[in-house]
Amino acid sequence: MKDRQKKIIERILEVVNQPTQEEIDRLWAEEAERRIDELDSGEVEEIPGEQVFAEIRARLGK
């Protein structure tokens, strides 16, 4: 198989194997539910965004 043909086939497979928007939305909804469950159970605790960014700035020396 020629290199060009191989590249075309690889690109087609990439496009075909990409998730649909419905699948992406479903996966994000599942992730959101998992995170809510972790918060509700006390497994993780909330950290205010302002605190997170302040810590990042401090680490970067800004």
PDB file of N, CA and C in Angstrom:
ATOM      1  N   MET A   1       0.848  -1.175   0.000  1.00  0.00           N
ATOM      2  CA  MET A   1       0.000   0.000   0.000  1.00  0.00           C
ATOM      3  C   MET A   1       0.893   1.238   0.000  1.00  0.00           C
ATOM      4  N   LYS A   2       0.539   2.151  -0.829  1.00  0.00           N
ATOM      5  CA  LYS A   2       1.317   3.385  -0.930  1.00  0.00           C
ATOM      6  C   LYS A   2       1.112   4.245   0.309  1.00  0.00           C
ATOM      7  N   ASP A   3       2.109   5.054   0.590  1.00  0.00           N
ATOM      8  CA  ASP A   3       2.076   5.916   1.768  1.00  0.00           C
ATOM      9  C   ASP A   3       0.875   6.860   1.740  1.00  0.00           C
ATOM     10  N   ARG A   4       0.581   7.398   0.577  1.00  0.00           N
ATOM     11  CA  ARG A   4      -0.551   8.332   0.450  1.00  0.00           C
ATOM     12  C   ARG A   4      -1.868   7.620   0.739  1.00  0.00           C
ATOM     13  N   GLN A   5      -2.033   6.418   0.221  1.00  0.00           N
ATOM     14  CA  GLN A   5      -3.253   5.653   0.468  1.00  0.00           C
ATOM     15  C   GLN A   5      -3.390   5.338   1.953  1.00  0.00           C
ATOM     16  N   LYS A   6      -2.287   4.977   2.563  1.00  0.00           N
ATOM     17  CA  LYS A   6      -2.296   4.672   3.991  1.00  0.00           C
ATOM     18  C   LYS A   6      -2.742   5.891   4.794  1.00  0.00           C
ATOM     19  N   LYS A   7      -2.233   7.063   4.448  1.00  0.00           N
ATOM     20  CA  LYS A   7      -2.608   8.291   5.153  1.00  0.00           C
ATOM     21  C   LYS A   7      -4.092   8.602   4.973  1.00  0.00           C
ATOM     22  N   ILE A   8      -4.610   8.372   3.776  1.00  0.00           N
ATOM     23  CA  ILE A   8      -6.035   8.615   3.512  1.00  0.00           C
ATOM     24  C   ILE A   8      -6.879   7.676   4.357  1.00  0.00           C
ATOM     25  N   ILE A   9      -6.516   6.409   4.390  1.00  0.00           N
ATOM     26  CA  ILE A   9      -7.267   5.424   5.180  1.00  0.00           C
ATOM     27  C   ILE A   9      -7.203   5.774   6.661  1.00  0.00           C
ATOM     28  N   GLU A  10      -6.034   6.156   7.153  1.00  0.00           N
ATOM     29  CA  GLU A  10      -5.900   6.540   8.560  1.00  0.00           C
ATOM     30  C   GLU A  10      -6.786   7.734   8.890  1.00  0.00           C
ATOM     31  N   ARG A  11      -6.839   8.704   7.994  1.00  0.00           N
ATOM     32  CA  ARG A  11      -7.671   9.896   8.226  1.00  0.00           C
ATOM     33  C   ARG A  11      -9.151   9.537   8.230  1.00  0.00           C
ATOM     34  N   ILE A  12      -9.566   8.675   7.317  1.00  0.00           N
ATOM     35  CA  ILE A  12     -10.967   8.232   7.276  1.00  0.00           C
ATOM     36  C   ILE A  12     -11.323   7.537   8.584  1.00  0.00           C
ATOM     37  N   LEU A  13     -10.445   6.669   9.062  1.00  0.00           N
ATOM     38  CA  LEU A  13     -10.705   5.966  10.317  1.00  0.00           C
ATOM     39  C   LEU A  13     -10.775   6.930  11.497  1.00  0.00           C
ATOM     40  N   GLU A  14      -9.951   7.963  11.497  1.00  0.00           N
ATOM     41  CA  GLU A  14     -10.015   8.974  12.557  1.00  0.00           C
ATOM     42  C   GLU A  14     -11.378   9.649  12.580  1.00  0.00           C
ATOM     43  N   VAL A  15     -11.861  10.028  11.408  1.00  0.00           N
ATOM     44  CA  VAL A  15     -13.143  10.725  11.307  1.00  0.00           C
ATOM     45  C   VAL A  15     -14.284   9.804  11.721  1.00  0.00           C
ATOM     46  N   VAL A  16     -14.256   8.576  11.252  1.00  0.00           N
ATOM     47  CA  VAL A  16     -15.327   7.618  11.545  1.00  0.00           C
ATOM     48  C   VAL A  16     -15.365   7.281  13.029  1.00  0.00           C
ATOM     49  N   ASN A  17     -14.216   7.222  13.674  1.00  0.00           N
ATOM     50  CA  ASN A  17     -14.152   6.810  15.072  1.00  0.00           C
ATOM     51  C   ASN A  17     -14.353   7.952  16.063  1.00  0.00           C
ATOM     52  N   GLN A  18     -14.558   9.166  15.592  1.00  0.00           N
ATOM     53  CA  GLN A  18     -14.788  10.282  16.501  1.00  0.00           C
ATOM     54  C   GLN A  18     -16.168  10.145  17.134  1.00  0.00           C
ATOM     55  N   PRO A  19     -16.264  10.484  18.424  1.00  0.00           N
ATOM     56  CA  PRO A  19     -17.568  10.390  19.080  1.00  0.00           C
ATOM     57  C   PRO A  19     -18.543  11.431  18.528  1.00  0.00           C
ATOM     58  N   THR A  20     -19.818  11.092  18.579  1.00  0.00           N
ATOM     59  CA  THR A  20     -20.848  12.034  18.145  1.00  0.00           C
ATOM     60  C   THR A  20     -21.059  13.077  19.242  1.00  0.00           C
ATOM     61  N   GLN A  21     -21.708  14.167  18.901  1.00  0.00           N
ATOM     62  CA  GLN A  21     -21.999  15.195  19.903  1.00  0.00           C
ATOM     63  C   GLN A  21     -22.882  14.619  21.001  1.00  0.00           C
ATOM     64  N   GLU A  22     -23.814  13.732  20.634  1.00  0.00           N
ATOM     65  CA  GLU A  22     -24.667  13.086  21.644  1.00  0.00           C
ATOM     66  C   GLU A  22     -23.827  12.295  22.636  1.00  0.00           C
ATOM     67  N   GLU A  23     -22.843  11.559  22.122  1.00  0.00           N
ATOM     68  CA  GLU A  23     -21.988  10.767  23.000  1.00  0.00           C
ATOM     69  C   GLU A  23     -21.147  11.669  23.899  1.00  0.00           C
ATOM     70  N   ILE A  24     -20.626  12.745  23.351  1.00  0.00           N
ATOM     71  CA  ILE A  24     -19.845  13.699  24.148  1.00  0.00           C
ATOM     72  C   ILE A  24     -20.714  14.297  25.249  1.00  0.00           C
ATOM     73  N   ASP A  25     -21.934  14.702  24.901  1.00  0.00           N
ATOM     74  CA  ASP A  25     -22.852  15.273  25.891  1.00  0.00           C
ATOM     75  C   ASP A  25     -23.171  14.259  26.986  1.00  0.00           C
ATOM     76  N   ARG A  26     -23.395  13.010  26.597  1.00  0.00           N
ATOM     77  CA  ARG A  26     -23.709  11.949  27.564  1.00  0.00           C
ATOM     78  C   ARG A  26     -22.532  11.739  28.511  1.00  0.00           C
ATOM     79  N   LEU A  27     -21.327  11.696  27.968  1.00  0.00           N
ATOM     80  CA  LEU A  27     -20.143  11.485  28.800  1.00  0.00           C
ATOM     81  C   LEU A  27     -19.926  12.638  29.778  1.00  0.00           C
ATOM     82  N   TRP A  28     -20.160  13.879  29.323  1.00  0.00           N
ATOM     83  CA  TRP A  28     -20.026  15.025  30.223  1.00  0.00           C
ATOM     84  C   TRP A  28     -21.089  14.988  31.315  1.00  0.00           C
ATOM     85  N   ALA A  29     -22.306  14.578  30.962  1.00  0.00           N
ATOM     86  CA  ALA A  29     -23.368  14.472  31.967  1.00  0.00           C
ATOM     87  C   ALA A  29     -23.001  13.423  33.013  1.00  0.00           C
ATOM     88  N   GLU A  30     -22.453  12.297  32.569  1.00  0.00           N
ATOM     89  CA  GLU A  30     -22.020  11.255  33.500  1.00  0.00           C
ATOM     90  C   GLU A  30     -20.910  11.771  34.416  1.00  0.00           C
ATOM     91  N   GLU A  31     -19.977  12.513  33.853  1.00  0.00           N
ATOM     92  CA  GLU A  31     -18.876  13.070  34.652  1.00  0.00           C
ATOM     93  C   GLU A  31     -19.410  14.062  35.682  1.00  0.00           C
ATOM     94  N   ALA A  32     -20.354  14.898  35.271  1.00  0.00           N
ATOM     95  CA  ALA A  32     -20.948  15.863  36.202  1.00  0.00           C
ATOM     96  C   ALA A  32     -21.652  15.136  37.343  1.00  0.00           C
ATOM     97  N   GLU A  33     -22.403  14.089  37.023  1.00  0.00           N
ATOM     98  CA  GLU A  33     -23.093  13.308  38.058  1.00  0.00           C
ATOM     99  C   GLU A  33     -22.091  12.662  39.010  1.00  0.00           C
ATOM    100  N   ARG A  34     -20.998  12.129  38.461  1.00  0.00           N
ATOM    101  CA  ARG A  34     -19.972  11.502  39.296  1.00  0.00           C
ATOM    102  C   ARG A  34     -19.378  12.525  40.261  1.00  0.00           C
ATOM    103  N   ARG A  35     -19.122  13.718  39.771  1.00  0.00           N
ATOM    104  CA  ARG A  35     -18.543  14.763  40.619  1.00  0.00           C
ATOM    105  C   ARG A  35     -19.527  15.217  41.693  1.00  0.00           C
ATOM    106  N   ILE A  36     -20.787  15.332  41.331  1.00  0.00           N
ATOM    107  CA  ILE A  36     -21.813  15.703  42.314  1.00  0.00           C
ATOM    108  C   ILE A  36     -21.889  14.645  43.403  1.00  0.00           C
ATOM    109  N   ASP A  37     -21.878  13.373  43.001  1.00  0.00           N
ATOM    110  CA  ASP A  37     -21.919  12.280  43.972  1.00  0.00           C
ATOM    111  C   ASP A  37     -20.720  12.336  44.921  1.00  0.00           C
ATOM    112  N   GLU A  38     -19.532  12.642  44.389  1.00  0.00           N
ATOM    113  CA  GLU A  38     -18.334  12.752  45.224  1.00  0.00           C
ATOM    114  C   GLU A  38     -18.468  13.894  46.229  1.00  0.00           C
ATOM    115  N   LEU A  39     -19.030  15.003  45.794  1.00  0.00           N
ATOM    116  CA  LEU A  39     -19.240  16.131  46.705  1.00  0.00           C
ATOM    117  C   LEU A  39     -20.268  15.779  47.773  1.00  0.00           C
ATOM    118  N   ASP A  40     -21.385  15.177  47.339  1.00  0.00           N
ATOM    119  CA  ASP A  40     -22.453  14.821  48.274  1.00  0.00           C
ATOM    120  C   ASP A  40     -21.993  13.812  49.320  1.00  0.00           C
ATOM    121  N   SER A  41     -21.132  12.881  48.921  1.00  0.00           N
ATOM    122  CA  SER A  41     -20.669  11.839  49.844  1.00  0.00           C
ATOM    123  C   SER A  41     -19.553  12.332  50.758  1.00  0.00           C
ATOM    124  N   GLY A  42     -18.998  13.495  50.453  1.00  0.00           N
ATOM    125  CA  GLY A  42     -17.891  14.014  51.243  1.00  0.00           C
ATOM    126  C   GLY A  42     -16.541  13.457  50.812  1.00  0.00           C
ATOM    127  N   GLU A  43     -16.542  12.688  49.742  1.00  0.00           N
ATOM    128  CA  GLU A  43     -15.299  12.104  49.228  1.00  0.00           C
ATOM    129  C   GLU A  43     -14.310  13.191  48.801  1.00  0.00           C
ATOM    130  N   VAL A  44     -14.841  14.281  48.276  1.00  0.00           N
ATOM    131  CA  VAL A  44     -14.021  15.433  47.909  1.00  0.00           C
ATOM    132  C   VAL A  44     -14.676  16.679  48.485  1.00  0.00           C
ATOM    133  N   GLU A  45     -13.892  17.726  48.633  1.00  0.00           N
ATOM    134  CA  GLU A  45     -14.480  18.970  49.121  1.00  0.00           C
ATOM    135  C   GLU A  45     -14.298  20.066  48.082  1.00  0.00           C
ATOM    136  N   GLU A  46     -15.202  20.999  48.130  1.00  0.00           N
ATOM    137  CA  GLU A  46     -15.151  22.113  47.182  1.00  0.00           C
ATOM    138  C   GLU A  46     -13.990  23.041  47.521  1.00  0.00           C
ATOM    139  N   ILE A  47     -13.372  23.548  46.482  1.00  0.00           N
ATOM    140  CA  ILE A  47     -12.339  24.571  46.640  1.00  0.00           C
ATOM    141  C   ILE A  47     -12.774  25.741  45.762  1.00  0.00           C
ATOM    142  N   PRO A  48     -12.971  26.913  46.363  1.00  0.00           N
ATOM    143  CA  PRO A  48     -13.404  28.064  45.569  1.00  0.00           C
ATOM    144  C   PRO A  48     -12.423  28.352  44.430  1.00  0.00           C
ATOM    145  N   GLY A  49     -12.960  28.722  43.287  1.00  0.00           N
ATOM    146  CA  GLY A  49     -12.142  29.017  42.120  1.00  0.00           C
ATOM    147  C   GLY A  49     -11.095  30.080  42.394  1.00  0.00           C
ATOM    148  N   GLU A  50     -11.477  31.092  43.178  1.00  0.00           N
ATOM    149  CA  GLU A  50     -10.530  32.161  43.506  1.00  0.00           C
ATOM    150  C   GLU A  50      -9.300  31.604  44.217  1.00  0.00           C
ATOM    151  N   GLN A  51      -9.525  30.649  45.109  1.00  0.00           N
ATOM    152  CA  GLN A  51      -8.419  30.036  45.847  1.00  0.00           C
ATOM    153  C   GLN A  51      -7.529  29.217  44.906  1.00  0.00           C
ATOM    154  N   VAL A  52      -8.152  28.474  44.015  1.00  0.00           N
ATOM    155  CA  VAL A  52      -7.396  27.662  43.055  1.00  0.00           C
ATOM    156  C   VAL A  52      -6.489  28.554  42.210  1.00  0.00           C
ATOM    157  N   PHE A  53      -7.051  29.624  41.669  1.00  0.00           N
ATOM    158  CA  PHE A  53      -6.260  30.512  40.814  1.00  0.00           C
ATOM    159  C   PHE A  53      -5.175  31.246  41.603  1.00  0.00           C
ATOM    160  N   ALA A  54      -5.465  31.589  42.855  1.00  0.00           N
ATOM    161  CA  ALA A  54      -4.449  32.237  43.693  1.00  0.00           C
ATOM    162  C   ALA A  54      -3.276  31.289  43.920  1.00  0.00           C
ATOM    163  N   GLU A  55      -3.576  30.008  44.148  1.00  0.00           N
ATOM    164  CA  GLU A  55      -2.512  29.024  44.349  1.00  0.00           C
ATOM    165  C   GLU A  55      -1.695  28.831  43.068  1.00  0.00           C
ATOM    166  N   ILE A  56      -2.362  28.836  41.938  1.00  0.00           N
ATOM    167  CA  ILE A  56      -1.652  28.700  40.655  1.00  0.00           C
ATOM    168  C   ILE A  56      -0.729  29.894  40.441  1.00  0.00           C
ATOM    169  N   ARG A  57      -1.261  31.098  40.677  1.00  0.00           N
ATOM    170  CA  ARG A  57      -0.435  32.300  40.511  1.00  0.00           C
ATOM    171  C   ARG A  57       0.773  32.261  41.447  1.00  0.00           C
ATOM    172  N   ALA A  58       0.564  31.799  42.676  1.00  0.00           N
ATOM    173  CA  ALA A  58       1.665  31.726  43.642  1.00  0.00           C
ATOM    174  C   ALA A  58       2.729  30.740  43.168  1.00  0.00           C
ATOM    175  N   ARG A  59       2.298  29.614  42.631  1.00  0.00           N
ATOM    176  CA  ARG A  59       3.260  28.614  42.139  1.00  0.00           C
ATOM    177  C   ARG A  59       4.044  29.126  40.940  1.00  0.00           C
ATOM    178  N   LEU A  60       3.376  29.926  40.122  1.00  0.00           N
ATOM    179  CA  LEU A  60       4.037  30.457  38.933  1.00  0.00           C
ATOM    180  C   LEU A  60       4.819  31.729  39.234  1.00  0.00           C
ATOM    181  N   GLY A  61       4.713  32.185  40.471  1.00  0.00           N
ATOM    182  CA  GLY A  61       5.446  33.381  40.869  1.00  0.00           C
ATOM    183  C   GLY A  61       4.893  34.654  40.286  1.00  0.00           C
ATOM    184  N   LYS A  62       3.594  34.699  40.090  1.00  0.00           N
ATOM    185  CA  LYS A  62       2.969  35.894  39.504  1.00  0.00           C
ATOM    186  C   LYS A  62       2.101  36.585  40.524  1.00  0.00           C
TER     187      LYS A  62
END
